[in-house]
Amino acid sequence: MEKGMVIWFTGIPASGKSTLANEIQRRLEALGLPVEDLDADEVRANLSPNLGYTEEARDENTKRLAWFASKLSKYGANVMIAAVAPRQAYRDRAREWCDKFVEVYVETPLEVCQQRDPKGLYARAARGEVNDIAGMHQPYEAPTDPELHIRTTEGSVEECGDIIMAKLVELGLLPAAAQEAAQ
């Protein structure tokens, strides 16, 4: 059985990580490939609802995501992870644990993320209800050497998806015919 790949979408909240992960999931499923979505917010809500957002809690959550992804990919699942993972060390650990690892840095200016705010996180911060947002209140370490650096303000979801699929082909994780077939 061929191992699956792990694609980790990282960036500050509301940067477009989940949107792009869903786009690539849709495209890979259209190719008939097995895909599992490990959205960090959903995993946290279902497996660790009381974990919190301290440095230690973020470390633990990303450790769980990386471990789970390594197990799923071992059995052929292609795993999409949309997680802030604000420290380079968290993403480096995931890279060590997952054989076919692709880091996608989803960069979006904070002002744009605040305007998007699909979960109301930045609105809650403006009201003083939260003060633990990575990239705003807490540090976010941008990736030092990601396989892909996507700027969501420079292209549509579809265009960003095309770039990601082309990179997966370039890395030898998908056959060349897959790129056109999955659009």
N, C-alpha and C. Protein backbone atom coordinates (compact mmCIF):
# COMPACT_ATOMS: atom_id res chain seq x y z
N MET A 1 0.84 -1.18 0.00
CA MET A 1 0.00 0.00 0.00
C MET A 1 0.88 1.24 0.00
N GLU A 2 0.61 2.15 -0.90
CA GLU A 2 1.38 3.38 -0.98
C GLU A 2 0.93 4.36 0.10
N LYS A 3 1.91 4.99 0.73
CA LYS A 3 1.59 5.97 1.77
C LYS A 3 0.96 7.21 1.16
N GLY A 4 0.10 7.84 1.92
CA GLY A 4 -0.49 9.10 1.50
C GLY A 4 0.40 10.26 1.89
N MET A 5 0.03 11.44 1.44
CA MET A 5 0.77 12.64 1.79
C MET A 5 0.03 13.41 2.88
N VAL A 6 0.77 14.26 3.55
CA VAL A 6 0.21 15.15 4.56
C VAL A 6 0.47 16.57 4.09
N ILE A 7 -0.59 17.33 3.91
CA ILE A 7 -0.45 18.73 3.51
C ILE A 7 -0.90 19.59 4.69
N TRP A 8 0.04 20.35 5.24
CA TRP A 8 -0.23 21.18 6.41
C TRP A 8 -0.35 22.63 5.95
N PHE A 9 -1.55 23.18 6.07
CA PHE A 9 -1.81 24.57 5.74
C PHE A 9 -1.65 25.39 7.01
N THR A 10 -0.69 26.30 7.03
CA THR A 10 -0.43 27.12 8.20
C THR A 10 -0.55 28.60 7.84
N GLY A 11 -0.95 29.38 8.80
CA GLY A 11 -1.10 30.82 8.64
C GLY A 11 -1.92 31.32 9.81
N ILE A 12 -2.03 32.63 9.93
CA ILE A 12 -2.79 33.18 11.05
C ILE A 12 -4.28 32.90 10.88
N PRO A 13 -5.07 33.05 11.94
CA PRO A 13 -6.51 32.78 11.83
C PRO A 13 -7.17 33.61 10.72
N ALA A 14 -8.05 32.97 9.98
CA ALA A 14 -8.82 33.56 8.88
C ALA A 14 -7.98 33.86 7.64
N SER A 15 -6.81 33.27 7.56
CA SER A 15 -5.95 33.50 6.39
C SER A 15 -6.42 32.72 5.16
N GLY A 16 -7.23 31.69 5.36
CA GLY A 16 -7.72 30.90 4.24
C GLY A 16 -7.25 29.45 4.26
N LYS A 17 -6.70 29.02 5.38
CA LYS A 17 -6.18 27.65 5.49
C LYS A 17 -7.25 26.60 5.21
N SER A 18 -8.36 26.69 5.91
CA SER A 18 -9.43 25.69 5.75
C SER A 18 -10.04 25.75 4.36
N THR A 19 -10.19 26.94 3.84
CA THR A 19 -10.76 27.10 2.49
C THR A 19 -9.88 26.40 1.46
N LEU A 20 -8.57 26.61 1.55
CA LEU A 20 -7.66 25.96 0.60
C LEU A 20 -7.58 24.46 0.84
N ALA A 21 -7.59 24.04 2.10
CA ALA A 21 -7.57 22.60 2.39
C ALA A 21 -8.81 21.93 1.80
N ASN A 22 -9.96 22.58 1.93
CA ASN A 22 -11.20 22.03 1.37
C ASN A 22 -11.13 21.97 -0.16
N GLU A 23 -10.53 22.96 -0.78
CA GLU A 23 -10.38 22.98 -2.24
C GLU A 23 -9.51 21.83 -2.71
N ILE A 24 -8.39 21.61 -2.03
CA ILE A 24 -7.49 20.51 -2.43
C ILE A 24 -8.14 19.17 -2.10
N GLN A 25 -8.83 19.07 -1.01
CA GLN A 25 -9.56 17.84 -0.69
C GLN A 25 -10.55 17.51 -1.81
N ARG A 26 -11.32 18.51 -2.24
CA ARG A 26 -12.29 18.31 -3.31
C ARG A 26 -11.61 17.80 -4.57
N ARG A 27 -10.49 18.39 -4.91
CA ARG A 27 -9.77 18.00 -6.14
C ARG A 27 -9.18 16.60 -6.04
N LEU A 28 -8.62 16.26 -4.88
CA LEU A 28 -8.05 14.92 -4.72
C LEU A 28 -9.15 13.85 -4.72
N GLU A 29 -10.27 14.17 -4.09
CA GLU A 29 -11.40 13.22 -4.10
C GLU A 29 -11.94 13.03 -5.52
N ALA A 30 -11.91 14.09 -6.31
CA ALA A 30 -12.35 13.99 -7.71
C ALA A 30 -11.46 13.04 -8.51
N LEU A 31 -10.23 12.88 -8.05
CA LEU A 31 -9.31 11.93 -8.68
C LEU A 31 -9.47 10.51 -8.13
N GLY A 32 -10.39 10.37 -7.18
CA GLY A 32 -10.62 9.06 -6.59
C GLY A 32 -9.64 8.71 -5.48
N LEU A 33 -8.95 9.71 -4.95
CA LEU A 33 -7.96 9.46 -3.90
C LEU A 33 -8.61 9.57 -2.52
N PRO A 34 -8.17 8.73 -1.57
CA PRO A 34 -8.70 8.83 -0.21
C PRO A 34 -8.13 10.07 0.49
N VAL A 35 -9.01 10.85 1.09
CA VAL A 35 -8.59 12.09 1.75
C VAL A 35 -9.25 12.18 3.12
N GLU A 36 -8.48 12.60 4.11
CA GLU A 36 -9.00 12.87 5.44
C GLU A 36 -8.68 14.32 5.78
N ASP A 37 -9.66 15.01 6.35
CA ASP A 37 -9.51 16.40 6.75
C ASP A 37 -9.33 16.46 8.25
N LEU A 38 -8.20 17.01 8.69
CA LEU A 38 -7.95 17.20 10.12
C LEU A 38 -7.90 18.71 10.40
N ASP A 39 -9.03 19.35 10.34
CA ASP A 39 -9.09 20.78 10.65
C ASP A 39 -8.82 20.93 12.15
N ALA A 40 -7.85 21.74 12.49
CA ALA A 40 -7.43 21.87 13.90
C ALA A 40 -8.57 22.26 14.82
N ASP A 41 -9.43 23.18 14.37
CA ASP A 41 -10.55 23.61 15.22
C ASP A 41 -11.53 22.47 15.47
N GLU A 42 -11.79 21.66 14.45
CA GLU A 42 -12.72 20.54 14.61
C GLU A 42 -12.12 19.44 15.48
N VAL A 43 -10.84 19.15 15.28
CA VAL A 43 -10.18 18.12 16.09
C VAL A 43 -10.17 18.57 17.55
N ARG A 44 -9.82 19.83 17.78
CA ARG A 44 -9.79 20.36 19.14
C ARG A 44 -11.18 20.27 19.77
N ALA A 45 -12.22 20.70 19.05
CA ALA A 45 -13.58 20.70 19.58
C ALA A 45 -14.08 19.30 19.92
N ASN A 46 -13.69 18.31 19.13
CA ASN A 46 -14.19 16.95 19.34
C ASN A 46 -13.33 16.09 20.24
N LEU A 47 -12.02 16.30 20.23
CA LEU A 47 -11.14 15.45 21.03
C LEU A 47 -10.58 16.12 22.27
N SER A 48 -10.46 17.43 22.25
CA SER A 48 -9.82 18.13 23.37
C SER A 48 -10.49 19.47 23.62
N PRO A 49 -11.79 19.50 23.90
CA PRO A 49 -12.49 20.79 24.01
C PRO A 49 -11.99 21.68 25.15
N ASN A 50 -11.32 21.13 26.12
CA ASN A 50 -10.84 21.93 27.25
C ASN A 50 -9.34 22.24 27.16
N LEU A 51 -8.75 22.05 25.99
CA LEU A 51 -7.30 22.17 25.86
C LEU A 51 -6.81 23.61 26.01
N GLY A 52 -7.52 24.59 25.54
CA GLY A 52 -7.08 25.99 25.65
C GLY A 52 -6.10 26.38 24.57
N TYR A 53 -5.52 27.58 24.73
CA TYR A 53 -4.64 28.14 23.71
C TYR A 53 -3.33 28.67 24.28
N THR A 54 -2.89 28.08 25.38
CA THR A 54 -1.57 28.43 25.91
C THR A 54 -0.51 27.84 24.99
N GLU A 55 0.73 28.23 25.22
CA GLU A 55 1.84 27.67 24.44
C GLU A 55 1.86 26.14 24.57
N GLU A 56 1.67 25.64 25.78
CA GLU A 56 1.69 24.19 26.02
C GLU A 56 0.50 23.51 25.33
N ALA A 57 -0.65 24.14 25.37
CA ALA A 57 -1.83 23.56 24.74
C ALA A 57 -1.69 23.53 23.22
N ARG A 58 -1.14 24.59 22.65
CA ARG A 58 -0.92 24.62 21.20
C ARG A 58 0.08 23.54 20.79
N ASP A 59 1.12 23.37 21.61
CA ASP A 59 2.11 22.33 21.35
C ASP A 59 1.44 20.96 21.36
N GLU A 60 0.61 20.71 22.36
CA GLU A 60 -0.07 19.42 22.48
C GLU A 60 -1.03 19.19 21.32
N ASN A 61 -1.78 20.21 20.94
CA ASN A 61 -2.74 20.05 19.84
C ASN A 61 -2.02 19.73 18.53
N THR A 62 -0.93 20.45 18.24
CA THR A 62 -0.21 20.18 16.99
C THR A 62 0.48 18.82 17.04
N LYS A 63 0.90 18.40 18.21
CA LYS A 63 1.50 17.07 18.35
C LYS A 63 0.46 15.99 18.02
N ARG A 64 -0.74 16.17 18.53
CA ARG A 64 -1.83 15.21 18.25
C ARG A 64 -2.17 15.19 16.76
N LEU A 65 -2.24 16.36 16.14
CA LEU A 65 -2.54 16.42 14.71
C LEU A 65 -1.46 15.70 13.90
N ALA A 66 -0.20 15.96 14.23
CA ALA A 66 0.90 15.33 13.49
C ALA A 66 0.90 13.82 13.67
N TRP A 67 0.68 13.37 14.90
CA TRP A 67 0.66 11.93 15.15
C TRP A 67 -0.48 11.26 14.39
N PHE A 68 -1.66 11.85 14.49
CA PHE A 68 -2.83 11.28 13.82
C PHE A 68 -2.62 11.26 12.30
N ALA A 69 -2.07 12.35 11.76
CA ALA A 69 -1.81 12.43 10.32
C ALA A 69 -0.81 11.37 9.89
N SER A 70 0.22 11.15 10.70
CA SER A 70 1.23 10.14 10.34
C SER A 70 0.61 8.75 10.27
N LYS A 71 -0.32 8.47 11.17
CA LYS A 71 -0.98 7.16 11.17
C LYS A 71 -1.90 7.02 9.97
N LEU A 72 -2.69 8.03 9.68
CA LEU A 72 -3.61 7.97 8.54
C LEU A 72 -2.84 7.84 7.21
N SER A 73 -1.79 8.63 7.06
CA SER A 73 -1.04 8.61 5.80
C SER A 73 -0.31 7.28 5.61
N LYS A 74 0.06 6.66 6.69
CA LYS A 74 0.72 5.35 6.63
C LYS A 74 -0.16 4.33 5.89
N TYR A 75 -1.47 4.49 6.02
CA TYR A 75 -2.40 3.56 5.39
C TYR A 75 -3.03 4.12 4.11
N GLY A 76 -2.36 5.11 3.51
CA GLY A 76 -2.76 5.57 2.19
C GLY A 76 -3.66 6.79 2.14
N ALA A 77 -4.09 7.30 3.27
CA ALA A 77 -4.93 8.50 3.26
C ALA A 77 -4.06 9.72 2.98
N ASN A 78 -4.60 10.62 2.19
CA ASN A 78 -3.98 11.92 1.97
C ASN A 78 -4.63 12.86 2.97
N VAL A 79 -3.83 13.45 3.84
CA VAL A 79 -4.36 14.18 4.98
C VAL A 79 -4.18 15.68 4.78
N MET A 80 -5.28 16.40 4.92
CA MET A 80 -5.27 17.86 4.88
C MET A 80 -5.34 18.34 6.32
N ILE A 81 -4.38 19.16 6.73
CA ILE A 81 -4.40 19.76 8.06
C ILE A 81 -4.43 21.28 7.90
N ALA A 82 -5.47 21.89 8.43
CA ALA A 82 -5.55 23.35 8.47
C ALA A 82 -5.36 23.73 9.93
N ALA A 83 -4.17 24.23 10.26
CA ALA A 83 -3.86 24.55 11.64
C ALA A 83 -2.86 25.70 11.68
N VAL A 84 -3.11 26.67 12.53
CA VAL A 84 -2.19 27.79 12.68
C VAL A 84 -0.78 27.28 12.96
N ALA A 85 -0.64 26.38 13.93
CA ALA A 85 0.68 25.86 14.32
C ALA A 85 1.70 27.00 14.34
N PRO A 86 1.58 27.90 15.32
CA PRO A 86 2.33 29.15 15.27
C PRO A 86 3.85 29.04 15.42
N ARG A 87 4.34 27.92 15.83
CA ARG A 87 5.79 27.76 16.01
C ARG A 87 6.38 26.87 14.91
N GLN A 88 7.54 27.26 14.41
CA GLN A 88 8.23 26.46 13.41
C GLN A 88 8.52 25.06 13.96
N ALA A 89 8.82 24.98 15.23
CA ALA A 89 9.15 23.68 15.84
C ALA A 89 7.98 22.71 15.74
N TYR A 90 6.75 23.20 15.84
CA TYR A 90 5.58 22.32 15.72
C TYR A 90 5.51 21.72 14.32
N ARG A 91 5.73 22.56 13.33
CA ARG A 91 5.65 22.09 11.94
C ARG A 91 6.85 21.20 11.59
N ASP A 92 8.00 21.51 12.16
CA ASP A 92 9.18 20.66 11.94
C ASP A 92 8.95 19.26 12.51
N ARG A 93 8.31 19.19 13.67
CA ARG A 93 8.00 17.89 14.27
C ARG A 93 7.07 17.11 13.34
N ALA A 94 6.06 17.76 12.81
CA ALA A 94 5.14 17.08 11.90
C ALA A 94 5.89 16.58 10.67
N ARG A 95 6.80 17.39 10.17
CA ARG A 95 7.60 16.99 9.00
C ARG A 95 8.42 15.73 9.31
N GLU A 96 8.96 15.66 10.50
CA GLU A 96 9.76 14.49 10.91
C GLU A 96 8.89 13.24 10.99
N TRP A 97 7.67 13.38 11.45
CA TRP A 97 6.79 12.24 11.68
C TRP A 97 6.06 11.77 10.42
N CYS A 98 5.94 12.62 9.42
CA CYS A 98 5.16 12.29 8.23
C CYS A 98 6.08 12.20 7.02
N ASP A 99 6.08 11.04 6.36
CA ASP A 99 7.01 10.79 5.26
C ASP A 99 6.83 11.74 4.07
N LYS A 100 5.61 11.93 3.64
CA LYS A 100 5.33 12.79 2.47
C LYS A 100 4.65 14.06 2.97
N PHE A 101 5.46 15.00 3.44
CA PHE A 101 4.95 16.19 4.10
C PHE A 101 5.10 17.42 3.21
N VAL A 102 4.04 18.19 3.10
CA VAL A 102 4.04 19.41 2.31
C VAL A 102 3.52 20.54 3.20
N GLU A 103 4.35 21.54 3.41
CA GLU A 103 3.94 22.69 4.21
C GLU A 103 3.52 23.81 3.26
N VAL A 104 2.30 24.30 3.47
CA VAL A 104 1.76 25.39 2.66
C VAL A 104 1.54 26.58 3.59
N TYR A 105 2.32 27.61 3.37
CA TYR A 105 2.18 28.84 4.15
C TYR A 105 1.13 29.71 3.47
N VAL A 106 0.02 29.91 4.15
CA VAL A 106 -1.08 30.70 3.64
C VAL A 106 -0.94 32.09 4.26
N GLU A 107 -0.39 33.02 3.48
CA GLU A 107 -0.13 34.35 3.99
C GLU A 107 -1.23 35.31 3.57
N THR A 108 -1.76 35.99 4.55
CA THR A 108 -2.80 36.99 4.33
C THR A 108 -2.57 38.10 5.35
N PRO A 109 -2.62 39.36 4.93
CA PRO A 109 -2.42 40.45 5.88
C PRO A 109 -3.44 40.39 7.02
N LEU A 110 -2.99 40.77 8.21
CA LEU A 110 -3.86 40.74 9.39
C LEU A 110 -5.15 41.53 9.14
N GLU A 111 -5.05 42.67 8.47
CA GLU A 111 -6.23 43.50 8.22
C GLU A 111 -7.27 42.74 7.39
N VAL A 112 -6.81 41.97 6.43
CA VAL A 112 -7.72 41.18 5.59
C VAL A 112 -8.35 40.06 6.42
N CYS A 113 -7.55 39.42 7.25
CA CYS A 113 -8.08 38.36 8.13
C CYS A 113 -9.13 38.93 9.07
N GLN A 114 -8.88 40.13 9.59
CA GLN A 114 -9.85 40.77 10.49
C GLN A 114 -11.15 41.09 9.75
N GLN A 115 -11.06 41.44 8.48
CA GLN A 115 -12.27 41.71 7.70
C GLN A 115 -13.03 40.42 7.40
N ARG A 116 -12.29 39.36 7.09
CA ARG A 116 -12.93 38.07 6.80
C ARG A 116 -13.62 37.52 8.05
N ASP A 117 -12.85 37.29 9.07
CA ASP A 117 -13.29 36.86 10.41
C ASP A 117 -14.49 35.92 10.39
N PRO A 118 -14.41 34.77 9.70
CA PRO A 118 -15.57 33.88 9.57
C PRO A 118 -16.08 33.30 10.89
N LYS A 119 -15.22 33.21 11.87
CA LYS A 119 -15.62 32.63 13.16
C LYS A 119 -15.82 33.69 14.24
N GLY A 120 -15.69 34.97 13.87
CA GLY A 120 -15.90 36.04 14.83
C GLY A 120 -14.78 36.19 15.85
N LEU A 121 -13.64 35.60 15.58
CA LEU A 121 -12.52 35.63 16.53
C LEU A 121 -11.98 37.04 16.73
N TYR A 122 -11.76 37.75 15.63
CA TYR A 122 -11.21 39.10 15.74
C TYR A 122 -12.24 40.06 16.34
N ALA A 123 -13.50 39.85 16.08
CA ALA A 123 -14.56 40.66 16.70
C ALA A 123 -14.55 40.45 18.20
N ARG A 124 -14.37 39.21 18.62
CA ARG A 124 -14.29 38.91 20.06
C ARG A 124 -13.06 39.58 20.68
N ALA A 125 -11.96 39.61 19.93
CA ALA A 125 -10.75 40.27 20.43
C ALA A 125 -10.99 41.78 20.57
N ALA A 126 -11.68 42.37 19.61
CA ALA A 126 -11.97 43.80 19.67
C ALA A 126 -12.83 44.15 20.88
N ARG A 127 -13.67 43.21 21.30
CA ARG A 127 -14.51 43.43 22.48
C ARG A 127 -13.78 43.07 23.78
N GLY A 128 -12.53 42.60 23.65
CA GLY A 128 -11.75 42.25 24.83
C GLY A 128 -12.06 40.88 25.40
N GLU A 129 -12.75 40.04 24.64
CA GLU A 129 -13.14 38.72 25.13
C GLU A 129 -12.04 37.68 24.99
N VAL A 130 -11.14 37.88 24.04
CA VAL A 130 -10.01 36.96 23.85
C VAL A 130 -8.73 37.78 23.67
N ASN A 131 -7.63 37.21 24.10
CA ASN A 131 -6.34 37.88 23.93
C ASN A 131 -5.23 36.88 23.64
N ASP A 132 -5.59 35.83 22.91
CA ASP A 132 -4.62 34.77 22.63
C ASP A 132 -4.56 34.40 21.15
N ILE A 133 -4.77 35.36 20.28
CA ILE A 133 -4.76 35.09 18.84
C ILE A 133 -3.32 35.10 18.32
N ALA A 134 -2.92 34.01 17.70
CA ALA A 134 -1.59 33.92 17.11
C ALA A 134 -1.49 34.92 15.96
N GLY A 135 -0.40 35.66 15.95
CA GLY A 135 -0.20 36.67 14.92
C GLY A 135 -0.73 38.03 15.32
N MET A 136 -1.42 38.08 16.47
CA MET A 136 -1.95 39.34 16.97
C MET A 136 -1.50 39.54 18.41
N HIS A 137 -1.92 38.64 19.28
CA HIS A 137 -1.54 38.71 20.70
C HIS A 137 -0.36 37.81 21.02
N GLN A 138 -0.28 36.71 20.32
CA GLN A 138 0.79 35.74 20.53
C GLN A 138 1.62 35.65 19.26
N PRO A 139 2.87 35.21 19.36
CA PRO A 139 3.72 35.14 18.18
C PRO A 139 3.23 34.12 17.15
N TYR A 140 3.49 34.44 15.90
CA TYR A 140 3.31 33.48 14.81
C TYR A 140 4.63 33.50 14.03
N GLU A 141 5.29 32.36 13.98
CA GLU A 141 6.54 32.24 13.24
C GLU A 141 6.23 31.76 11.83
N ALA A 142 6.40 32.65 10.87
CA ALA A 142 6.17 32.27 9.48
C ALA A 142 7.15 31.16 9.10
N PRO A 143 6.72 30.22 8.27
CA PRO A 143 7.61 29.13 7.87
C PRO A 143 8.90 29.64 7.24
N THR A 144 10.00 28.97 7.55
CA THR A 144 11.30 29.36 7.03
C THR A 144 11.56 28.78 5.64
N ASP A 145 10.97 27.63 5.34
CA ASP A 145 11.23 27.01 4.04
C ASP A 145 10.06 26.10 3.63
N PRO A 146 8.87 26.69 3.46
CA PRO A 146 7.72 25.85 3.09
C PRO A 146 7.83 25.40 1.63
N GLU A 147 7.17 24.32 1.32
CA GLU A 147 7.11 23.89 -0.08
C GLU A 147 6.34 24.90 -0.92
N LEU A 148 5.35 25.53 -0.30
CA LEU A 148 4.54 26.53 -1.00
C LEU A 148 4.26 27.74 -0.12
N HIS A 149 4.26 28.90 -0.74
CA HIS A 149 3.92 30.16 -0.07
C HIS A 149 2.80 30.78 -0.89
N ILE A 150 1.59 30.70 -0.36
CA ILE A 150 0.40 31.19 -1.07
C ILE A 150 -0.04 32.50 -0.44
N ARG A 151 -0.19 33.53 -1.27
CA ARG A 151 -0.73 34.82 -0.82
C ARG A 151 -2.17 34.91 -1.32
N THR A 152 -3.09 34.77 -0.40
CA THR A 152 -4.50 34.66 -0.80
C THR A 152 -5.06 35.94 -1.40
N THR A 153 -4.40 37.05 -1.19
CA THR A 153 -4.88 38.30 -1.78
C THR A 153 -4.45 38.45 -3.24
N GLU A 154 -3.65 37.51 -3.73
CA GLU A 154 -3.15 37.60 -5.10
C GLU A 154 -3.80 36.62 -6.05
N GLY A 155 -4.82 35.90 -5.59
CA GLY A 155 -5.48 34.95 -6.48
C GLY A 155 -6.73 34.40 -5.84
N SER A 156 -7.59 33.86 -6.67
CA SER A 156 -8.83 33.25 -6.19
C SER A 156 -8.53 31.90 -5.55
N VAL A 157 -9.52 31.34 -4.90
CA VAL A 157 -9.37 30.00 -4.32
C VAL A 157 -8.97 29.01 -5.41
N GLU A 158 -9.62 29.11 -6.56
CA GLU A 158 -9.33 28.19 -7.67
C GLU A 158 -7.90 28.36 -8.17
N GLU A 159 -7.45 29.62 -8.30
CA GLU A 159 -6.09 29.87 -8.77
C GLU A 159 -5.06 29.36 -7.75
N CYS A 160 -5.32 29.59 -6.48
CA CYS A 160 -4.43 29.06 -5.44
C CYS A 160 -4.43 27.53 -5.47
N GLY A 161 -5.60 26.94 -5.69
CA GLY A 161 -5.70 25.49 -5.82
C GLY A 161 -4.87 24.96 -6.97
N ASP A 162 -4.89 25.68 -8.10
CA ASP A 162 -4.09 25.28 -9.26
C ASP A 162 -2.60 25.28 -8.91
N ILE A 163 -2.17 26.30 -8.18
CA ILE A 163 -0.76 26.40 -7.79
C ILE A 163 -0.37 25.23 -6.89
N ILE A 164 -1.24 24.91 -5.95
CA ILE A 164 -0.95 23.80 -5.02
C ILE A 164 -0.90 22.48 -5.78
N MET A 165 -1.87 22.25 -6.64
CA MET A 165 -1.88 20.99 -7.40
C MET A 165 -0.63 20.88 -8.28
N ALA A 166 -0.22 21.97 -8.91
CA ALA A 166 0.99 21.96 -9.74
C ALA A 166 2.21 21.60 -8.90
N LYS A 167 2.25 22.10 -7.67
CA LYS A 167 3.39 21.79 -6.80
C LYS A 167 3.39 20.32 -6.39
N LEU A 168 2.21 19.77 -6.15
CA LEU A 168 2.13 18.35 -5.79
C LEU A 168 2.63 17.48 -6.95
N VAL A 169 2.34 17.89 -8.17
CA VAL A 169 2.86 17.18 -9.35
C VAL A 169 4.37 17.34 -9.41
N GLU A 170 4.84 18.57 -9.24
CA GLU A 170 6.28 18.85 -9.28
C GLU A 170 7.05 18.04 -8.24
N LEU A 171 6.46 17.86 -7.08
CA LEU A 171 7.10 17.10 -6.01
C LEU A 171 7.01 15.59 -6.22
N GLY A 172 6.30 15.16 -7.26
CA GLY A 172 6.15 13.74 -7.54
C GLY A 172 5.10 13.05 -6.67
N LEU A 173 4.25 13.84 -6.02
CA LEU A 173 3.21 13.27 -5.17
C LEU A 173 1.94 12.97 -5.93
N LEU A 174 1.82 13.53 -7.12
CA LEU A 174 0.68 13.25 -8.01
C LEU A 174 1.22 13.13 -9.44
N PRO A 175 0.58 12.30 -10.25
CA PRO A 175 1.00 12.22 -11.65
C PRO A 175 0.62 13.50 -12.38
N ALA A 176 1.35 13.84 -13.43
CA ALA A 176 1.11 15.08 -14.18
C ALA A 176 -0.32 15.20 -14.67
N ALA A 177 -0.94 14.09 -15.06
CA ALA A 177 -2.30 14.13 -15.57
C ALA A 177 -3.30 14.54 -14.49
N ALA A 178 -2.92 14.39 -13.24
CA ALA A 178 -3.82 14.70 -12.14
C ALA A 178 -4.15 16.18 -12.06
N GLN A 179 -3.19 17.02 -12.41
CA GLN A 179 -3.40 18.44 -12.29
C GLN A 179 -4.57 18.92 -13.15
N GLU A 180 -4.59 18.51 -14.39
CA GLU A 180 -5.67 18.94 -15.29
C GLU A 180 -6.98 18.23 -14.96
N ALA A 181 -6.90 16.98 -14.58
CA ALA A 181 -8.11 16.21 -14.29
C ALA A 181 -8.84 16.70 -13.06
N ALA A 182 -8.14 17.34 -12.14
CA ALA A 182 -8.75 17.72 -10.87
C ALA A 182 -9.17 19.18 -10.79
N GLN A 183 -9.27 19.85 -11.91
CA GLN A 183 -9.66 21.26 -11.85
C GLN A 183 -11.14 21.45 -11.83
